[in-house]
PDB file of all heavy atoms in Angstrom:
ATOM      1  N   ALA A   1     -97.312 111.247 160.542  1.00  0.00           N
ATOM      2  CA  ALA A   1     -97.514 112.679 160.937  1.00  0.00           C
ATOM      3  C   ALA A   1     -96.512 113.134 162.023  1.00  0.00           C
ATOM      4  O   ALA A   1     -96.079 114.277 162.045  1.00  0.00           O
ATOM      5  CB  ALA A   1     -98.938 112.878 161.417  1.00  0.00           C
ATOM      6  N   GLN A   2     -96.197 112.207 162.945  1.00  0.00           N
ATOM      7  CA  GLN A   2     -95.271 112.505 164.058  1.00  0.00           C
ATOM      8  C   GLN A   2     -93.841 112.636 163.524  1.00  0.00           C
ATOM      9  O   GLN A   2     -93.100 113.560 163.909  1.00  0.00           O
ATOM     10  CB  GLN A   2     -95.327 111.367 165.062  1.00  0.00           C
ATOM     11  CG  GLN A   2     -94.379 111.649 166.232  1.00  0.00           C
ATOM     12  CD  GLN A   2     -94.522 110.479 167.277  1.00  0.00           C
ATOM     13  OE1 GLN A   2     -95.331 109.609 167.113  1.00  0.00           O
ATOM     14  NE2 GLN A   2     -93.659 110.563 168.300  1.00  0.00           N
ATOM     15  N   TRP A   3     -93.388 111.732 162.646  1.00  0.00           N
ATOM     16  CA  TRP A   3     -91.979 111.716 162.295  1.00  0.00           C
ATOM     17  C   TRP A   3     -91.712 112.108 160.917  1.00  0.00           C
ATOM     18  O   TRP A   3     -90.511 112.503 160.541  1.00  0.00           O
ATOM     19  CB  TRP A   3     -91.473 110.232 162.412  1.00  0.00           C
ATOM     20  CG  TRP A   3     -91.470 109.753 163.834  1.00  0.00           C
ATOM     21  CD1 TRP A   3     -92.421 108.996 164.452  1.00  0.00           C
ATOM     22  CD2 TRP A   3     -90.440 109.993 164.799  1.00  0.00           C
ATOM     23  NE1 TRP A   3     -92.044 108.788 165.746  1.00  0.00           N
ATOM     24  CE2 TRP A   3     -90.817 109.354 166.002  1.00  0.00           C
ATOM     25  CE3 TRP A   3     -89.224 110.698 164.778  1.00  0.00           C
ATOM     26  CZ2 TRP A   3     -90.016 109.376 167.156  1.00  0.00           C
ATOM     27  CZ3 TRP A   3     -88.472 110.748 165.904  1.00  0.00           C
ATOM     28  CH2 TRP A   3     -88.855 110.093 167.089  1.00  0.00           C
ATOM     29  N   GLY A   4     -92.743 112.182 159.990  1.00  0.00           N
ATOM     30  CA  GLY A   4     -92.534 112.481 158.609  1.00  0.00           C
ATOM     31  C   GLY A   4     -91.978 111.177 157.975  1.00  0.00           C
ATOM     32  O   GLY A   4     -91.441 110.307 158.633  1.00  0.00           O
ATOM     33  N   LYS A   5     -92.212 111.076 156.660  1.00  0.00           N
ATOM     34  CA  LYS A   5     -91.690 109.886 155.946  1.00  0.00           C
ATOM     35  C   LYS A   5     -90.170 109.616 156.069  1.00  0.00           C
ATOM     36  O   LYS A   5     -89.739 108.587 156.329  1.00  0.00           O
ATOM     37  CB  LYS A   5     -92.102 109.870 154.473  1.00  0.00           C
ATOM     38  CG  LYS A   5     -93.634 109.574 154.243  1.00  0.00           C
ATOM     39  CD  LYS A   5     -93.888 109.485 152.795  1.00  0.00           C
ATOM     40  CE  LYS A   5     -95.377 109.068 152.534  1.00  0.00           C
ATOM     41  NZ  LYS A   5     -95.688 108.988 151.128  1.00  0.00           N
ATOM     42  N   PRO A   6     -89.383 110.754 155.916  1.00  0.00           N
ATOM     43  CA  PRO A   6     -87.904 110.509 156.021  1.00  0.00           C
ATOM     44  C   PRO A   6     -87.535 110.112 157.401  1.00  0.00           C
ATOM     45  O   PRO A   6     -86.651 109.265 157.621  1.00  0.00           O
ATOM     46  CB  PRO A   6     -87.374 111.860 155.673  1.00  0.00           C
ATOM     47  CG  PRO A   6     -88.358 112.551 154.845  1.00  0.00           C
ATOM     48  CD  PRO A   6     -89.678 112.073 155.437  1.00  0.00           C
ATOM     49  N   GLY A   7     -88.162 110.727 158.458  1.00  0.00           N
ATOM     50  CA  GLY A   7     -87.870 110.315 159.813  1.00  0.00           C
ATOM     51  C   GLY A   7     -88.245 108.916 160.130  1.00  0.00           C
ATOM     52  O   GLY A   7     -87.512 108.155 160.761  1.00  0.00           O
ATOM     53  N   LEU A   8     -89.476 108.538 159.701  1.00  0.00           N
ATOM     54  CA  LEU A   8     -89.874 107.092 160.003  1.00  0.00           C
ATOM     55  C   LEU A   8     -89.079 106.141 159.292  1.00  0.00           C
ATOM     56  O   LEU A   8     -88.861 105.022 159.829  1.00  0.00           O
ATOM     57  CB  LEU A   8     -91.433 107.069 159.524  1.00  0.00           C
ATOM     58  CG  LEU A   8     -92.247 105.980 160.065  1.00  0.00           C
ATOM     59  CD1 LEU A   8     -92.293 105.995 161.568  1.00  0.00           C
ATOM     60  CD2 LEU A   8     -93.691 105.996 159.489  1.00  0.00           C
ATOM     61  N   ALA A   9     -88.522 106.444 158.156  1.00  0.00           N
ATOM     62  CA  ALA A   9     -87.692 105.533 157.403  1.00  0.00           C
ATOM     63  C   ALA A   9     -86.388 105.237 158.170  1.00  0.00           C
ATOM     64  O   ALA A   9     -85.659 104.247 157.887  1.00  0.00           O
ATOM     65  CB  ALA A   9     -87.320 106.069 156.061  1.00  0.00           C
ATOM     66  N   GLN A  10     -86.023 106.052 159.190  1.00  0.00           N
ATOM     67  CA  GLN A  10     -84.775 105.865 159.949  1.00  0.00           C
ATOM     68  C   GLN A  10     -84.915 104.770 161.010  1.00  0.00           C
ATOM     69  O   GLN A  10     -83.912 104.391 161.605  1.00  0.00           O
ATOM     70  CB  GLN A  10     -84.345 107.200 160.597  1.00  0.00           C
ATOM     71  CG  GLN A  10     -83.930 108.236 159.623  1.00  0.00           C
ATOM     72  CD  GLN A  10     -82.758 107.842 158.780  1.00  0.00           C
ATOM     73  OE1 GLN A  10     -81.843 107.173 159.203  1.00  0.00           O
ATOM     74  NE2 GLN A  10     -82.787 108.213 157.481  1.00  0.00           N
ATOM     75  N   PHE A  11     -86.089 104.329 161.232  1.00  0.00           N
ATOM     76  CA  PHE A  11     -86.296 103.196 162.174  1.00  0.00           C
ATOM     77  C   PHE A  11     -86.088 101.858 161.459  1.00  0.00           C
ATOM     78  O   PHE A  11     -87.036 101.164 161.133  1.00  0.00           O
ATOM     79  CB  PHE A  11     -87.680 103.315 162.829  1.00  0.00           C
ATOM     80  CG  PHE A  11     -87.865 104.514 163.763  1.00  0.00           C
ATOM     81  CD1 PHE A  11     -88.222 105.714 163.280  1.00  0.00           C
ATOM     82  CD2 PHE A  11     -87.539 104.333 165.092  1.00  0.00           C
ATOM     83  CE1 PHE A  11     -88.304 106.758 164.202  1.00  0.00           C
ATOM     84  CE2 PHE A  11     -87.635 105.354 166.016  1.00  0.00           C
ATOM     85  CZ  PHE A  11     -87.930 106.649 165.492  1.00  0.00           C
ATOM     86  N   SER A  12     -84.836 101.655 161.165  1.00  0.00           N
ATOM     87  CA  SER A  12     -84.493 100.547 160.227  1.00  0.00           C
ATOM     88  C   SER A  12     -83.283  99.739 160.816  1.00  0.00           C
ATOM     89  O   SER A  12     -82.583 100.247 161.697  1.00  0.00           O
ATOM     90  CB  SER A  12     -84.130 101.147 158.874  1.00  0.00           C
ATOM     91  OG  SER A  12     -82.976 101.918 159.014  1.00  0.00           O
ATOM     92  N   SER A  13     -83.036  98.586 160.183  1.00  0.00           N
ATOM     93  CA  SER A  13     -81.863  97.764 160.595  1.00  0.00           C
ATOM     94  C   SER A  13     -80.594  98.537 160.179  1.00  0.00           C
ATOM     95  O   SER A  13     -79.589  98.434 160.905  1.00  0.00           O
ATOM     96  CB  SER A  13     -81.930  96.402 159.935  1.00  0.00           C
ATOM     97  OG  SER A  13     -82.034  96.553 158.467  1.00  0.00           O
ATOM     98  N   GLU A  14     -80.639  99.264 159.120  1.00  0.00           N
ATOM     99  CA  GLU A  14     -79.443 100.057 158.704  1.00  0.00           C
ATOM    100  C   GLU A  14     -79.007 101.036 159.835  1.00  0.00           C
ATOM    101  O   GLU A  14     -77.867 101.125 160.181  1.00  0.00           O
ATOM    102  CB  GLU A  14     -79.777 100.853 157.391  1.00  0.00           C
ATOM    103  CG  GLU A  14     -78.582 101.521 156.801  1.00  0.00           C
ATOM    104  CD  GLU A  14     -77.710 100.591 155.950  1.00  0.00           C
ATOM    105  OE1 GLU A  14     -78.222  99.540 155.513  1.00  0.00           O
ATOM    106  OE2 GLU A  14     -76.578 100.983 155.737  1.00  0.00           O
ATOM    107  N   ALA A  15     -79.994 101.866 160.263  1.00  0.00           N
ATOM    108  CA  ALA A  15     -79.709 102.818 161.294  1.00  0.00           C
ATOM    109  C   ALA A  15     -79.330 102.096 162.629  1.00  0.00           C
ATOM    110  O   ALA A  15     -78.484 102.585 163.363  1.00  0.00           O
ATOM    111  CB  ALA A  15     -80.895 103.747 161.503  1.00  0.00           C
ATOM    112  N   ALA A  16     -80.079 101.019 162.919  1.00  0.00           N
ATOM    113  CA  ALA A  16     -79.805 100.252 164.231  1.00  0.00           C
ATOM    114  C   ALA A  16     -78.425  99.674 164.184  1.00  0.00           C
ATOM    115  O   ALA A  16     -77.775  99.616 165.263  1.00  0.00           O
ATOM    116  CB  ALA A  16     -80.838  99.172 164.396  1.00  0.00           C
ATOM    117  N   GLY A  17     -77.874  99.283 163.052  1.00  0.00           N
ATOM    118  CA  GLY A  17     -76.542  98.754 162.964  1.00  0.00           C
ATOM    119  C   GLY A  17     -75.536  99.852 163.374  1.00  0.00           C
ATOM    120  O   GLY A  17     -74.563  99.593 164.054  1.00  0.00           O
ATOM    121  N   LYS A  18     -75.784 101.081 162.882  1.00  0.00           N
ATOM    122  CA  LYS A  18     -74.876 102.192 163.271  1.00  0.00           C
ATOM    123  C   LYS A  18     -75.072 102.549 164.724  1.00  0.00           C
ATOM    124  O   LYS A  18     -74.081 102.916 165.347  1.00  0.00           O
ATOM    125  CB  LYS A  18     -75.127 103.373 162.332  1.00  0.00           C
ATOM    126  CG  LYS A  18     -74.817 103.065 160.906  1.00  0.00           C
ATOM    127  CD  LYS A  18     -75.238 104.220 159.960  1.00  0.00           C
ATOM    128  CE  LYS A  18     -74.904 103.868 158.506  1.00  0.00           C
ATOM    129  NZ  LYS A  18     -75.383 104.935 157.561  1.00  0.00           N
ATOM    130  N   ASP A  19     -76.254 102.452 165.227  1.00  0.00           N
ATOM    131  CA  ASP A  19     -76.512 102.626 166.681  1.00  0.00           C
ATOM    132  C   ASP A  19     -75.589 101.752 167.503  1.00  0.00           C
ATOM    133  O   ASP A  19     -74.947 102.209 168.487  1.00  0.00           O
ATOM    134  CB  ASP A  19     -77.938 102.304 167.041  1.00  0.00           C
ATOM    135  CG  ASP A  19     -78.931 103.310 166.518  1.00  0.00           C
ATOM    136  OD1 ASP A  19     -78.599 104.402 166.138  1.00  0.00           O
ATOM    137  OD2 ASP A  19     -80.155 102.941 166.495  1.00  0.00           O
ATOM    138  N   LEU A  20     -75.496 100.452 167.151  1.00  0.00           N
ATOM    139  CA  LEU A  20     -74.761  99.494 167.870  1.00  0.00           C
ATOM    140  C   LEU A  20     -73.245  99.902 167.852  1.00  0.00           C
ATOM    141  O   LEU A  20     -72.603  99.793 168.932  1.00  0.00           O
ATOM    142  CB  LEU A  20     -74.902  98.111 167.345  1.00  0.00           C
ATOM    143  CG  LEU A  20     -74.153  96.977 168.056  1.00  0.00           C
ATOM    144  CD1 LEU A  20     -74.595  96.876 169.539  1.00  0.00           C
ATOM    145  CD2 LEU A  20     -74.384  95.678 167.336  1.00  0.00           C
ATOM    146  N   GLY A  21     -72.740 100.297 166.752  1.00  0.00           N
ATOM    147  CA  GLY A  21     -71.340 100.720 166.708  1.00  0.00           C
ATOM    148  C   GLY A  21     -71.049 101.879 167.638  1.00  0.00           C
ATOM    149  O   GLY A  21     -69.991 101.888 168.374  1.00  0.00           O
ATOM    150  N   LEU A  22     -71.965 102.857 167.760  1.00  0.00           N
ATOM    151  CA  LEU A  22     -71.757 103.993 168.638  1.00  0.00           C
ATOM    152  C   LEU A  22     -71.879 103.519 170.080  1.00  0.00           C
ATOM    153  O   LEU A  22     -71.084 103.970 170.923  1.00  0.00           O
ATOM    154  CB  LEU A  22     -72.895 105.075 168.369  1.00  0.00           C
ATOM    155  CG  LEU A  22     -72.779 105.785 167.028  1.00  0.00           C
ATOM    156  CD1 LEU A  22     -73.908 106.845 166.968  1.00  0.00           C
ATOM    157  CD2 LEU A  22     -71.427 106.503 166.968  1.00  0.00           C
ATOM    158  N   LEU A  23     -72.736 102.606 170.366  1.00  0.00           N
ATOM    159  CA  LEU A  23     -72.869 102.146 171.767  1.00  0.00           C
ATOM    160  C   LEU A  23     -71.620 101.408 172.223  1.00  0.00           C
ATOM    161  O   LEU A  23     -71.130 101.637 173.363  1.00  0.00           O
ATOM    162  CB  LEU A  23     -74.109 101.202 171.880  1.00  0.00           C
ATOM    163  CG  LEU A  23     -75.511 101.820 171.715  1.00  0.00           C
ATOM    164  CD1 LEU A  23     -76.581 100.717 171.733  1.00  0.00           C
ATOM    165  CD2 LEU A  23     -75.814 102.819 172.781  1.00  0.00           C
ATOM    166  N   ILE A  24     -71.098 100.577 171.337  1.00  0.00           N
ATOM    167  CA  ILE A  24     -69.911  99.810 171.690  1.00  0.00           C
ATOM    168  C   ILE A  24     -68.714 100.771 171.844  1.00  0.00           C
ATOM    169  O   ILE A  24     -67.864 100.619 172.790  1.00  0.00           O
ATOM    170  CB  ILE A  24     -69.573  98.727 170.651  1.00  0.00           C
ATOM    171  CG1 ILE A  24     -70.682  97.627 170.694  1.00  0.00           C
ATOM    172  CG2 ILE A  24     -68.180  98.088 170.893  1.00  0.00           C
ATOM    173  CD1 ILE A  24     -70.497  96.557 169.595  1.00  0.00           C
ATOM    174  N   ALA A  25     -68.601 101.743 170.975  1.00  0.00           N
ATOM    175  CA  ALA A  25     -67.505 102.709 171.084  1.00  0.00           C
ATOM    176  C   ALA A  25     -67.586 103.492 172.378  1.00  0.00           C
ATOM    177  O   ALA A  25     -66.597 103.719 173.066  1.00  0.00           O
ATOM    178  CB  ALA A  25     -67.567 103.725 169.880  1.00  0.00           C
ATOM    179  N   ARG A  26     -68.765 103.872 172.769  1.00  0.00           N
ATOM    180  CA  ARG A  26     -69.018 104.623 174.052  1.00  0.00           C
ATOM    181  C   ARG A  26     -68.823 103.703 175.261  1.00  0.00           C
ATOM    182  O   ARG A  26     -68.299 104.153 176.309  1.00  0.00           O
ATOM    183  CB  ARG A  26     -70.331 105.319 174.058  1.00  0.00           C
ATOM    184  CG  ARG A  26     -70.460 106.435 173.018  1.00  0.00           C
ATOM    185  CD  ARG A  26     -71.749 107.210 173.203  1.00  0.00           C
ATOM    186  NE  ARG A  26     -71.781 107.850 174.474  1.00  0.00           N
ATOM    187  CZ  ARG A  26     -72.789 108.643 174.910  1.00  0.00           C
ATOM    188  NH1 ARG A  26     -73.754 108.954 174.052  1.00  0.00           N
ATOM    189  NH2 ARG A  26     -72.819 109.203 176.112  1.00  0.00           N
ATOM    190  N   ASP A  27     -69.241 102.475 175.115  1.00  0.00           N
ATOM    191  CA  ASP A  27     -69.015 101.514 176.257  1.00  0.00           C
ATOM    192  C   ASP A  27     -67.571 101.321 176.544  1.00  0.00           C
ATOM    193  O   ASP A  27     -67.163 101.201 177.695  1.00  0.00           O
ATOM    194  CB  ASP A  27     -69.724 100.151 175.895  1.00  0.00           C
ATOM    195  CG  ASP A  27     -69.491  99.095 176.987  1.00  0.00           C
ATOM    196  OD1 ASP A  27     -70.102  99.253 178.020  1.00  0.00           O
ATOM    197  OD2 ASP A  27     -68.703  98.177 176.753  1.00  0.00           O
ATOM    198  N   ARG A  28     -66.752 101.266 175.514  1.00  0.00           N
ATOM    199  CA  ARG A  28     -65.255 101.097 175.715  1.00  0.00           C
ATOM    200  C   ARG A  28     -64.651 102.320 176.486  1.00  0.00           C
ATOM    201  O   ARG A  28     -63.561 102.185 176.936  1.00  0.00           O
ATOM    202  CB  ARG A  28     -64.601 100.855 174.402  1.00  0.00           C
ATOM    203  CG  ARG A  28     -64.890  99.492 173.843  1.00  0.00           C
ATOM    204  CD  ARG A  28     -64.390  99.311 172.436  1.00  0.00           C
ATOM    205  NE  ARG A  28     -64.344  97.935 172.038  1.00  0.00           N
ATOM    206  CZ  ARG A  28     -64.134  97.502 170.768  1.00  0.00           C
ATOM    207  NH1 ARG A  28     -63.872  98.384 169.822  1.00  0.00           N
ATOM    208  NH2 ARG A  28     -64.183  96.220 170.494  1.00  0.00           N
ATOM    209  N   LYS A  29     -65.349 103.415 176.461  1.00  0.00           N
ATOM    210  CA  LYS A  29     -64.891 104.569 177.184  1.00  0.00           C
ATOM    211  C   LYS A  29     -65.187 104.545 178.668  1.00  0.00           C
ATOM    212  O   LYS A  29     -64.630 105.380 179.494  1.00  0.00           O
ATOM    213  CB  LYS A  29     -65.415 105.867 176.652  1.00  0.00           C
ATOM    214  CG  LYS A  29     -64.980 106.117 175.153  1.00  0.00           C
ATOM    215  CD  LYS A  29     -63.537 106.548 175.176  1.00  0.00           C
ATOM    216  CE  LYS A  29     -63.115 106.996 173.764  1.00  0.00           C
ATOM    217  NZ  LYS A  29     -61.681 107.536 173.734  1.00  0.00           N
ATOM    218  N   VAL A  30     -66.043 103.546 179.135  1.00  0.00           N
ATOM    219  CA  VAL A  30     -66.325 103.501 180.520  1.00  0.00           C
ATOM    220  C   VAL A  30     -65.133 102.985 181.298  1.00  0.00           C
ATOM    221  O   VAL A  30     -64.427 102.035 180.825  1.00  0.00           O
ATOM    222  CB  VAL A  30     -67.525 102.576 180.714  1.00  0.00           C
ATOM    223  CG1 VAL A  30     -67.767 102.302 182.204  1.00  0.00           C
ATOM    224  CG2 VAL A  30     -68.793 103.073 180.023  1.00  0.00           C
ATOM    225  N   ALA A  31     -64.847 103.580 182.441  1.00  0.00           N
ATOM    226  CA  ALA A  31     -63.611 103.162 183.246  1.00  0.00           C
ATOM    227  C   ALA A  31     -63.750 101.702 183.566  1.00  0.00           C
ATOM    228  O   ALA A  31     -64.791 101.144 184.072  1.00  0.00           O
ATOM    229  CB  ALA A  31     -63.582 103.924 184.487  1.00  0.00           C
ATOM    230  N   GLY A  32     -62.645 100.951 183.262  1.00  0.00           N
ATOM    231  CA  GLY A  32     -62.527  99.551 183.543  1.00  0.00           C
ATOM    232  C   GLY A  32     -63.294  98.629 182.648  1.00  0.00           C
ATOM    233  O   GLY A  32     -63.286  97.411 182.847  1.00  0.00           O
ATOM    234  N   ALA A  33     -63.878  99.172 181.593  1.00  0.00           N
ATOM    235  CA  ALA A  33     -64.607  98.323 180.659  1.00  0.00           C
ATOM    236  C   ALA A  33     -63.690  97.447 179.818  1.00  0.00           C
ATOM    237  O   ALA A  33     -62.579  97.937 179.384  1.00  0.00           O
ATOM    238  CB  ALA A  33     -65.445  99.149 179.736  1.00  0.00           C
TER     239      ALA A  33
END
């Protein structure tokens, strides 16, 4: 009810893998990283 079926389906390893790519890309933008 909170997320809907499509939203709840996004809590997955597939989406988490893409999360990690974004985090690493943004981490590399930190000064001195």
